[in-house]
Amino acid sequence: MSKSTRATLALTKAGAAFTVHTYDYDPSADRIGMAAAEALGEEPCRVLKTLMAQVDGKPVCVVVPSDREVSMKKLAAAFRGKSANMMKPAEAERLTGYHVGGISPFGQKKQVPTAIEAGALVEPLVYINGGQRGLQVRLAPDVALRALNAVAAPLVA
């Protein structure tokens, strides 16, 4: 497995401090983020999942703890929209250039507005997908926020 991806290159270019962590990716896992947390021996609240969605028909990226579900109402509000829905996997892959299970908010083919669950900012370090299945980057959540030029908002139900 390569530890150099578009995501890690984007973080390096942004001057972000991070470390790379690998685990055995289970393609049959029902909840990929939860499987990653278990494989890394971390609490699910510190292993964040990257989801692609649409707010008022426009693509957005959402980063939330792996043990939580996104509230569509809160997601729409975070981007000052009226409605939100999850993006279909094929569309998310096309837009980001990553495969489902390896979608990172960093280094996407087309950077879109991004929001991170505000509650995740209390953690000293979090894990976020590094752009490849079985690859996570560990960094301070405020570093991720700055690297993505993201907004912090309440996003989970």
N, C-alpha and C. Protein backbone atom coordinates (compact mmCIF):
# COMPACT_ATOMS: atom_id res chain seq x y z
N MET A 1 0.84 -1.18 0.00
CA MET A 1 0.00 0.00 0.00
C MET A 1 0.89 1.25 0.00
N SER A 2 0.58 2.16 -0.89
CA SER A 2 1.33 3.41 -0.97
C SER A 2 0.87 4.34 0.15
N LYS A 3 1.82 4.96 0.81
CA LYS A 3 1.48 5.92 1.86
C LYS A 3 1.48 7.34 1.31
N SER A 4 1.69 7.47 0.01
CA SER A 4 1.63 8.77 -0.64
C SER A 4 0.42 8.77 -1.56
N THR A 5 -0.53 9.63 -1.24
CA THR A 5 -1.77 9.75 -2.01
C THR A 5 -2.00 11.23 -2.31
N ARG A 6 -3.00 11.52 -3.13
CA ARG A 6 -3.34 12.93 -3.35
C ARG A 6 -3.67 13.62 -2.02
N ALA A 7 -4.27 12.88 -1.10
CA ALA A 7 -4.63 13.45 0.21
C ALA A 7 -3.39 13.80 1.02
N THR A 8 -2.43 12.89 1.11
CA THR A 8 -1.22 13.17 1.89
C THR A 8 -0.39 14.26 1.22
N LEU A 9 -0.38 14.27 -0.11
CA LEU A 9 0.34 15.33 -0.82
C LEU A 9 -0.30 16.69 -0.57
N ALA A 10 -1.63 16.75 -0.54
CA ALA A 10 -2.35 18.00 -0.28
C ALA A 10 -2.06 18.48 1.14
N LEU A 11 -2.03 17.57 2.10
CA LEU A 11 -1.73 17.95 3.48
C LEU A 11 -0.30 18.47 3.61
N THR A 12 0.62 17.80 2.95
CA THR A 12 2.02 18.24 2.97
C THR A 12 2.14 19.63 2.36
N LYS A 13 1.50 19.82 1.22
CA LYS A 13 1.53 21.12 0.54
C LYS A 13 0.95 22.22 1.43
N ALA A 14 -0.07 21.88 2.23
CA ALA A 14 -0.71 22.85 3.12
C ALA A 14 0.12 23.09 4.39
N GLY A 15 1.20 22.33 4.56
CA GLY A 15 2.04 22.48 5.75
C GLY A 15 1.42 21.90 7.00
N ALA A 16 0.50 20.97 6.82
CA ALA A 16 -0.21 20.36 7.95
C ALA A 16 0.63 19.26 8.59
N ALA A 17 0.64 19.23 9.91
CA ALA A 17 1.32 18.17 10.65
C ALA A 17 0.37 16.98 10.74
N PHE A 18 0.82 15.80 10.28
CA PHE A 18 -0.01 14.61 10.33
C PHE A 18 0.87 13.37 10.32
N THR A 19 0.30 12.27 10.74
CA THR A 19 0.97 10.97 10.64
C THR A 19 0.06 10.04 9.86
N VAL A 20 0.64 9.03 9.23
CA VAL A 20 -0.09 8.08 8.40
C VAL A 20 -0.21 6.76 9.14
N HIS A 21 -1.41 6.18 9.11
CA HIS A 21 -1.69 4.91 9.79
C HIS A 21 -2.44 3.99 8.84
N THR A 22 -2.00 2.75 8.79
CA THR A 22 -2.66 1.77 7.92
C THR A 22 -3.34 0.70 8.76
N TYR A 23 -4.32 0.06 8.15
CA TYR A 23 -5.03 -1.05 8.78
C TYR A 23 -5.54 -1.96 7.68
N ASP A 24 -5.96 -3.15 8.06
CA ASP A 24 -6.52 -4.10 7.10
C ASP A 24 -7.96 -3.71 6.80
N TYR A 25 -8.18 -3.20 5.60
CA TYR A 25 -9.50 -2.77 5.17
C TYR A 25 -10.38 -3.98 4.91
N ASP A 26 -11.60 -3.96 5.44
CA ASP A 26 -12.56 -5.04 5.25
C ASP A 26 -13.65 -4.58 4.28
N PRO A 27 -13.59 -5.00 3.01
CA PRO A 27 -14.58 -4.54 2.04
C PRO A 27 -16.00 -5.01 2.34
N SER A 28 -16.17 -6.00 3.20
CA SER A 28 -17.50 -6.49 3.52
C SER A 28 -18.11 -5.81 4.75
N ALA A 29 -17.39 -4.89 5.35
CA ALA A 29 -17.90 -4.22 6.56
C ALA A 29 -19.13 -3.40 6.24
N ASP A 30 -20.13 -3.50 7.12
CA ASP A 30 -21.36 -2.72 6.95
C ASP A 30 -21.10 -1.23 7.17
N ARG A 31 -20.29 -0.94 8.17
CA ARG A 31 -19.98 0.46 8.52
C ARG A 31 -18.47 0.63 8.46
N ILE A 32 -17.99 1.18 7.37
CA ILE A 32 -16.55 1.26 7.10
C ILE A 32 -15.82 2.05 8.18
N GLY A 33 -16.38 3.18 8.60
CA GLY A 33 -15.74 4.00 9.63
C GLY A 33 -15.61 3.26 10.95
N MET A 34 -16.64 2.53 11.33
CA MET A 34 -16.60 1.77 12.58
C MET A 34 -15.57 0.65 12.49
N ALA A 35 -15.48 0.01 11.33
CA ALA A 35 -14.48 -1.05 11.12
C ALA A 35 -13.08 -0.47 11.22
N ALA A 36 -12.89 0.74 10.67
CA ALA A 36 -11.58 1.41 10.74
C ALA A 36 -11.23 1.71 12.19
N ALA A 37 -12.18 2.21 12.96
CA ALA A 37 -11.93 2.53 14.36
C ALA A 37 -11.51 1.28 15.13
N GLU A 38 -12.23 0.19 14.90
CA GLU A 38 -11.90 -1.07 15.58
C GLU A 38 -10.51 -1.55 15.17
N ALA A 39 -10.21 -1.51 13.88
CA ALA A 39 -8.90 -1.98 13.39
C ALA A 39 -7.76 -1.13 13.93
N LEU A 40 -8.02 0.16 14.13
CA LEU A 40 -6.98 1.07 14.64
C LEU A 40 -6.91 1.07 16.16
N GLY A 41 -7.89 0.44 16.82
CA GLY A 41 -7.93 0.43 18.28
C GLY A 41 -8.27 1.79 18.85
N GLU A 42 -9.08 2.55 18.13
CA GLU A 42 -9.45 3.91 18.54
C GLU A 42 -10.94 4.00 18.83
N GLU A 43 -11.30 4.99 19.64
CA GLU A 43 -12.71 5.27 19.89
C GLU A 43 -13.34 5.78 18.59
N PRO A 44 -14.55 5.35 18.25
CA PRO A 44 -15.20 5.79 17.02
C PRO A 44 -15.36 7.31 16.91
N CYS A 45 -15.45 8.00 18.04
CA CYS A 45 -15.60 9.46 18.00
C CYS A 45 -14.34 10.15 17.49
N ARG A 46 -13.21 9.45 17.48
CA ARG A 46 -11.95 10.02 16.99
C ARG A 46 -11.62 9.58 15.56
N VAL A 47 -12.38 8.64 15.03
CA VAL A 47 -12.18 8.19 13.65
C VAL A 47 -13.33 8.77 12.84
N LEU A 48 -13.01 9.77 12.03
CA LEU A 48 -14.05 10.51 11.31
C LEU A 48 -14.26 9.92 9.92
N LYS A 49 -15.52 9.87 9.51
CA LYS A 49 -15.84 9.37 8.17
C LYS A 49 -16.10 10.55 7.26
N THR A 50 -15.76 10.36 6.00
CA THR A 50 -15.94 11.40 4.98
C THR A 50 -17.12 11.00 4.10
N LEU A 51 -18.09 11.86 4.02
CA LEU A 51 -19.29 11.59 3.23
C LEU A 51 -19.47 12.70 2.20
N MET A 52 -19.99 12.33 1.08
CA MET A 52 -20.29 13.31 0.04
C MET A 52 -21.81 13.46 -0.04
N ALA A 53 -22.24 14.70 -0.10
CA ALA A 53 -23.67 14.99 -0.10
C ALA A 53 -23.95 16.14 -1.07
N GLN A 54 -25.20 16.50 -1.14
CA GLN A 54 -25.62 17.65 -1.94
C GLN A 54 -26.52 18.52 -1.07
N VAL A 55 -26.28 19.82 -1.14
CA VAL A 55 -27.15 20.80 -0.48
C VAL A 55 -27.72 21.68 -1.58
N ASP A 56 -29.02 21.67 -1.70
CA ASP A 56 -29.71 22.40 -2.77
C ASP A 56 -29.12 22.05 -4.14
N GLY A 57 -28.77 20.75 -4.30
CA GLY A 57 -28.27 20.25 -5.58
C GLY A 57 -26.79 20.48 -5.82
N LYS A 58 -26.08 21.13 -4.89
CA LYS A 58 -24.65 21.39 -5.07
C LYS A 58 -23.84 20.47 -4.17
N PRO A 59 -22.70 19.93 -4.68
CA PRO A 59 -21.91 18.98 -3.90
C PRO A 59 -21.22 19.62 -2.70
N VAL A 60 -21.20 18.86 -1.61
CA VAL A 60 -20.49 19.25 -0.39
C VAL A 60 -19.83 18.01 0.21
N CYS A 61 -18.84 18.24 1.04
CA CYS A 61 -18.16 17.17 1.75
C CYS A 61 -18.45 17.33 3.23
N VAL A 62 -18.71 16.22 3.91
CA VAL A 62 -19.09 16.23 5.31
C VAL A 62 -18.19 15.26 6.07
N VAL A 63 -17.62 15.72 7.19
CA VAL A 63 -16.72 14.90 7.99
C VAL A 63 -17.30 14.80 9.40
N VAL A 64 -17.68 13.57 9.79
CA VAL A 64 -18.34 13.36 11.08
C VAL A 64 -17.77 12.11 11.76
N PRO A 65 -17.93 12.00 13.08
CA PRO A 65 -17.48 10.80 13.77
C PRO A 65 -18.12 9.54 13.18
N SER A 66 -17.35 8.47 13.14
CA SER A 66 -17.80 7.25 12.47
C SER A 66 -18.98 6.58 13.16
N ASP A 67 -19.23 6.92 14.42
CA ASP A 67 -20.36 6.30 15.13
C ASP A 67 -21.61 7.16 15.13
N ARG A 68 -21.63 8.21 14.32
CA ARG A 68 -22.77 9.11 14.28
C ARG A 68 -23.36 9.19 12.88
N GLU A 69 -24.61 9.63 12.79
CA GLU A 69 -25.29 9.79 11.52
C GLU A 69 -25.51 11.28 11.25
N VAL A 70 -25.43 11.68 10.00
CA VAL A 70 -25.61 13.06 9.62
C VAL A 70 -27.10 13.41 9.64
N SER A 71 -27.42 14.56 10.20
CA SER A 71 -28.77 15.11 10.14
C SER A 71 -28.86 15.94 8.87
N MET A 72 -29.75 15.57 7.96
CA MET A 72 -29.89 16.31 6.71
C MET A 72 -30.32 17.76 6.96
N LYS A 73 -31.14 17.97 7.97
CA LYS A 73 -31.58 19.32 8.31
C LYS A 73 -30.39 20.17 8.77
N LYS A 74 -29.56 19.61 9.64
CA LYS A 74 -28.39 20.34 10.14
C LYS A 74 -27.36 20.54 9.03
N LEU A 75 -27.23 19.54 8.14
CA LEU A 75 -26.30 19.66 7.03
C LEU A 75 -26.72 20.81 6.12
N ALA A 76 -27.99 20.88 5.77
CA ALA A 76 -28.47 21.97 4.92
C ALA A 76 -28.22 23.32 5.61
N ALA A 77 -28.49 23.39 6.89
CA ALA A 77 -28.29 24.64 7.63
C ALA A 77 -26.82 25.06 7.66
N ALA A 78 -25.92 24.10 7.75
CA ALA A 78 -24.48 24.40 7.80
C ALA A 78 -24.01 25.12 6.55
N PHE A 79 -24.68 24.86 5.42
CA PHE A 79 -24.32 25.49 4.16
C PHE A 79 -25.37 26.51 3.70
N ARG A 80 -26.21 26.93 4.65
CA ARG A 80 -27.26 27.92 4.38
C ARG A 80 -28.17 27.50 3.24
N GLY A 81 -28.49 26.20 3.24
CA GLY A 81 -29.37 25.67 2.21
C GLY A 81 -30.72 25.26 2.77
N LYS A 82 -31.57 24.80 1.87
CA LYS A 82 -32.91 24.38 2.28
C LYS A 82 -33.04 22.88 2.43
N SER A 83 -32.32 22.12 1.57
CA SER A 83 -32.45 20.66 1.64
C SER A 83 -31.11 20.01 1.36
N ALA A 84 -30.95 18.81 1.89
CA ALA A 84 -29.71 18.05 1.71
C ALA A 84 -30.04 16.59 1.49
N ASN A 85 -29.17 15.92 0.75
CA ASN A 85 -29.30 14.47 0.57
C ASN A 85 -27.91 13.90 0.31
N MET A 86 -27.76 12.62 0.60
CA MET A 86 -26.48 11.95 0.38
C MET A 86 -26.27 11.75 -1.12
N MET A 87 -25.02 11.82 -1.54
CA MET A 87 -24.67 11.62 -2.94
C MET A 87 -24.59 10.12 -3.22
N LYS A 88 -24.95 9.71 -4.41
CA LYS A 88 -24.83 8.31 -4.80
C LYS A 88 -23.34 7.96 -4.86
N PRO A 89 -22.97 6.72 -4.46
CA PRO A 89 -21.56 6.33 -4.44
C PRO A 89 -20.81 6.57 -5.75
N ALA A 90 -21.42 6.24 -6.88
CA ALA A 90 -20.74 6.42 -8.17
C ALA A 90 -20.45 7.89 -8.44
N GLU A 91 -21.38 8.75 -8.07
CA GLU A 91 -21.19 10.19 -8.25
C GLU A 91 -20.09 10.71 -7.32
N ALA A 92 -20.06 10.21 -6.08
CA ALA A 92 -19.02 10.60 -5.12
C ALA A 92 -17.64 10.19 -5.64
N GLU A 93 -17.53 9.00 -6.20
CA GLU A 93 -16.25 8.54 -6.74
C GLU A 93 -15.82 9.39 -7.93
N ARG A 94 -16.76 9.71 -8.81
CA ARG A 94 -16.44 10.51 -9.98
C ARG A 94 -15.97 11.91 -9.58
N LEU A 95 -16.66 12.51 -8.63
CA LEU A 95 -16.37 13.87 -8.21
C LEU A 95 -15.03 13.96 -7.45
N THR A 96 -14.78 13.00 -6.58
CA THR A 96 -13.60 13.08 -5.72
C THR A 96 -12.35 12.46 -6.33
N GLY A 97 -12.56 11.47 -7.21
CA GLY A 97 -11.42 10.73 -7.74
C GLY A 97 -10.95 9.62 -6.81
N TYR A 98 -11.70 9.38 -5.75
CA TYR A 98 -11.38 8.32 -4.79
C TYR A 98 -12.46 7.24 -4.86
N HIS A 99 -12.11 6.03 -4.39
CA HIS A 99 -13.08 4.94 -4.30
C HIS A 99 -13.79 5.00 -2.96
N VAL A 100 -15.06 4.61 -2.93
CA VAL A 100 -15.81 4.51 -1.67
C VAL A 100 -14.99 3.62 -0.72
N GLY A 101 -14.89 4.06 0.51
CA GLY A 101 -14.05 3.37 1.49
C GLY A 101 -12.67 4.00 1.56
N GLY A 102 -12.37 4.85 0.59
CA GLY A 102 -11.08 5.54 0.55
C GLY A 102 -11.26 7.02 0.21
N ILE A 103 -12.48 7.53 0.36
CA ILE A 103 -12.73 8.94 0.05
C ILE A 103 -12.18 9.81 1.19
N SER A 104 -11.33 10.73 0.81
CA SER A 104 -10.74 11.68 1.75
C SER A 104 -11.25 13.08 1.42
N PRO A 105 -11.37 13.93 2.42
CA PRO A 105 -11.72 15.32 2.12
C PRO A 105 -10.53 16.09 1.53
N PHE A 106 -9.33 15.53 1.71
CA PHE A 106 -8.11 16.19 1.24
C PHE A 106 -7.77 15.73 -0.17
N GLY A 107 -7.36 16.65 -1.03
CA GLY A 107 -6.87 16.29 -2.35
C GLY A 107 -7.92 15.75 -3.31
N GLN A 108 -9.15 16.14 -3.13
CA GLN A 108 -10.19 15.68 -4.06
C GLN A 108 -9.96 16.30 -5.43
N LYS A 109 -10.40 15.59 -6.48
CA LYS A 109 -10.26 16.11 -7.85
C LYS A 109 -10.85 17.50 -7.98
N LYS A 110 -12.04 17.68 -7.41
CA LYS A 110 -12.68 18.99 -7.41
C LYS A 110 -13.00 19.32 -5.96
N GLN A 111 -12.30 20.31 -5.42
CA GLN A 111 -12.55 20.68 -4.03
C GLN A 111 -13.93 21.31 -3.91
N VAL A 112 -14.71 20.83 -2.95
CA VAL A 112 -16.05 21.35 -2.72
C VAL A 112 -16.13 21.89 -1.29
N PRO A 113 -17.13 22.71 -1.00
CA PRO A 113 -17.29 23.20 0.37
C PRO A 113 -17.36 22.02 1.35
N THR A 114 -16.69 22.18 2.49
CA THR A 114 -16.57 21.09 3.45
C THR A 114 -16.98 21.57 4.84
N ALA A 115 -17.66 20.69 5.57
CA ALA A 115 -18.03 20.95 6.96
C ALA A 115 -17.56 19.79 7.82
N ILE A 116 -17.06 20.13 9.00
CA ILE A 116 -16.63 19.13 9.98
C ILE A 116 -17.53 19.26 11.20
N GLU A 117 -17.96 18.13 11.74
CA GLU A 117 -18.79 18.13 12.94
C GLU A 117 -18.08 18.89 14.05
N ALA A 118 -18.74 19.92 14.57
CA ALA A 118 -18.16 20.78 15.60
C ALA A 118 -17.72 19.99 16.83
N GLY A 119 -18.47 18.96 17.18
CA GLY A 119 -18.13 18.16 18.36
C GLY A 119 -16.79 17.46 18.24
N ALA A 120 -16.31 17.22 17.02
CA ALA A 120 -15.03 16.55 16.82
C ALA A 120 -13.86 17.45 17.18
N LEU A 121 -14.10 18.75 17.25
CA LEU A 121 -13.01 19.68 17.53
C LEU A 121 -12.51 19.61 18.97
N VAL A 122 -13.24 18.93 19.85
CA VAL A 122 -12.79 18.80 21.23
C VAL A 122 -11.72 17.72 21.38
N GLU A 123 -11.58 16.86 20.36
CA GLU A 123 -10.58 15.79 20.42
C GLU A 123 -9.20 16.37 20.14
N PRO A 124 -8.16 15.88 20.84
CA PRO A 124 -6.81 16.38 20.56
C PRO A 124 -6.31 15.95 19.18
N LEU A 125 -6.63 14.71 18.80
CA LEU A 125 -6.25 14.17 17.49
C LEU A 125 -7.39 13.35 16.94
N VAL A 126 -7.56 13.40 15.62
CA VAL A 126 -8.58 12.59 14.96
C VAL A 126 -7.95 11.88 13.77
N TYR A 127 -8.64 10.84 13.32
CA TYR A 127 -8.22 10.10 12.12
C TYR A 127 -9.21 10.42 11.01
N ILE A 128 -8.68 10.69 9.82
CA ILE A 128 -9.51 10.96 8.65
C ILE A 128 -8.92 10.18 7.49
N ASN A 129 -9.78 9.69 6.61
CA ASN A 129 -9.29 8.87 5.50
C ASN A 129 -8.20 9.60 4.73
N GLY A 130 -7.16 8.85 4.41
CA GLY A 130 -6.00 9.41 3.71
C GLY A 130 -6.01 9.21 2.21
N GLY A 131 -7.17 8.86 1.64
CA GLY A 131 -7.27 8.77 0.20
C GLY A 131 -7.07 7.38 -0.38
N GLN A 132 -7.10 6.39 0.49
CA GLN A 132 -6.94 5.01 0.04
C GLN A 132 -7.60 4.10 1.08
N ARG A 133 -8.20 3.04 0.63
CA ARG A 133 -8.81 2.09 1.57
C ARG A 133 -7.72 1.54 2.48
N GLY A 134 -7.97 1.59 3.80
CA GLY A 134 -7.01 1.09 4.77
C GLY A 134 -5.93 2.09 5.14
N LEU A 135 -6.10 3.35 4.77
CA LEU A 135 -5.11 4.38 5.06
C LEU A 135 -5.79 5.57 5.74
N GLN A 136 -5.32 5.91 6.92
CA GLN A 136 -5.87 7.05 7.67
C GLN A 136 -4.74 8.02 7.99
N VAL A 137 -5.08 9.31 8.04
CA VAL A 137 -4.13 10.30 8.54
C VAL A 137 -4.62 10.74 9.92
N ARG A 138 -3.67 10.92 10.83
CA ARG A 138 -4.01 11.39 12.18
C ARG A 138 -3.47 12.80 12.32
N LEU A 139 -4.37 13.70 12.73
CA LEU A 139 -3.98 15.10 12.87
C LEU A 139 -4.92 15.79 13.84
N ALA A 140 -4.53 16.99 14.25
CA ALA A 140 -5.41 17.78 15.12
C ALA A 140 -6.60 18.25 14.29
N PRO A 141 -7.80 18.22 14.85
CA PRO A 141 -8.98 18.59 14.06
C PRO A 141 -8.93 20.04 13.56
N ASP A 142 -8.31 20.95 14.33
CA ASP A 142 -8.23 22.33 13.85
C ASP A 142 -7.27 22.45 12.66
N VAL A 143 -6.28 21.56 12.59
CA VAL A 143 -5.37 21.53 11.44
C VAL A 143 -6.16 21.08 10.20
N ALA A 144 -7.01 20.08 10.36
CA ALA A 144 -7.84 19.61 9.25
C ALA A 144 -8.79 20.72 8.80
N LEU A 145 -9.37 21.41 9.75
CA LEU A 145 -10.29 22.50 9.45
C LEU A 145 -9.61 23.56 8.58
N ARG A 146 -8.39 23.95 8.98
CA ARG A 146 -7.65 24.97 8.21
C ARG A 146 -7.22 24.44 6.84
N ALA A 147 -6.72 23.20 6.80
CA ALA A 147 -6.24 22.63 5.53
C ALA A 147 -7.36 22.53 4.51
N LEU A 148 -8.57 22.32 4.99
CA LEU A 148 -9.73 22.18 4.10
C LEU A 148 -10.48 23.49 3.88
N ASN A 149 -10.09 24.53 4.63
CA ASN A 149 -10.86 25.77 4.62
C ASN A 149 -12.34 25.45 4.90
N ALA A 150 -12.54 24.56 5.87
CA ALA A 150 -13.86 24.03 6.18
C ALA A 150 -14.55 24.86 7.25
N VAL A 151 -15.83 24.62 7.39
CA VAL A 151 -16.60 25.22 8.50
C VAL A 151 -16.85 24.13 9.54
N ALA A 152 -16.90 24.55 10.78
CA ALA A 152 -17.28 23.64 11.87
C ALA A 152 -18.74 23.93 12.18
N ALA A 153 -19.53 22.88 12.23
CA ALA A 153 -20.96 23.06 12.48
C ALA A 153 -21.53 21.81 13.12
N PRO A 154 -22.64 21.95 13.87
CA PRO A 154 -23.32 20.75 14.36
C PRO A 154 -23.97 20.04 13.17
N LEU A 155 -23.58 18.80 12.93
CA LEU A 155 -24.04 18.08 11.74
C LEU A 155 -24.74 16.77 12.04
N VAL A 156 -24.58 16.26 13.26
CA VAL A 156 -25.09 14.92 13.54
C VAL A 156 -26.44 14.96 14.24
N ALA A 157 -27.19 13.89 14.03
CA ALA A 157 -28.52 13.77 14.62
C ALA A 157 -28.44 13.56 16.11
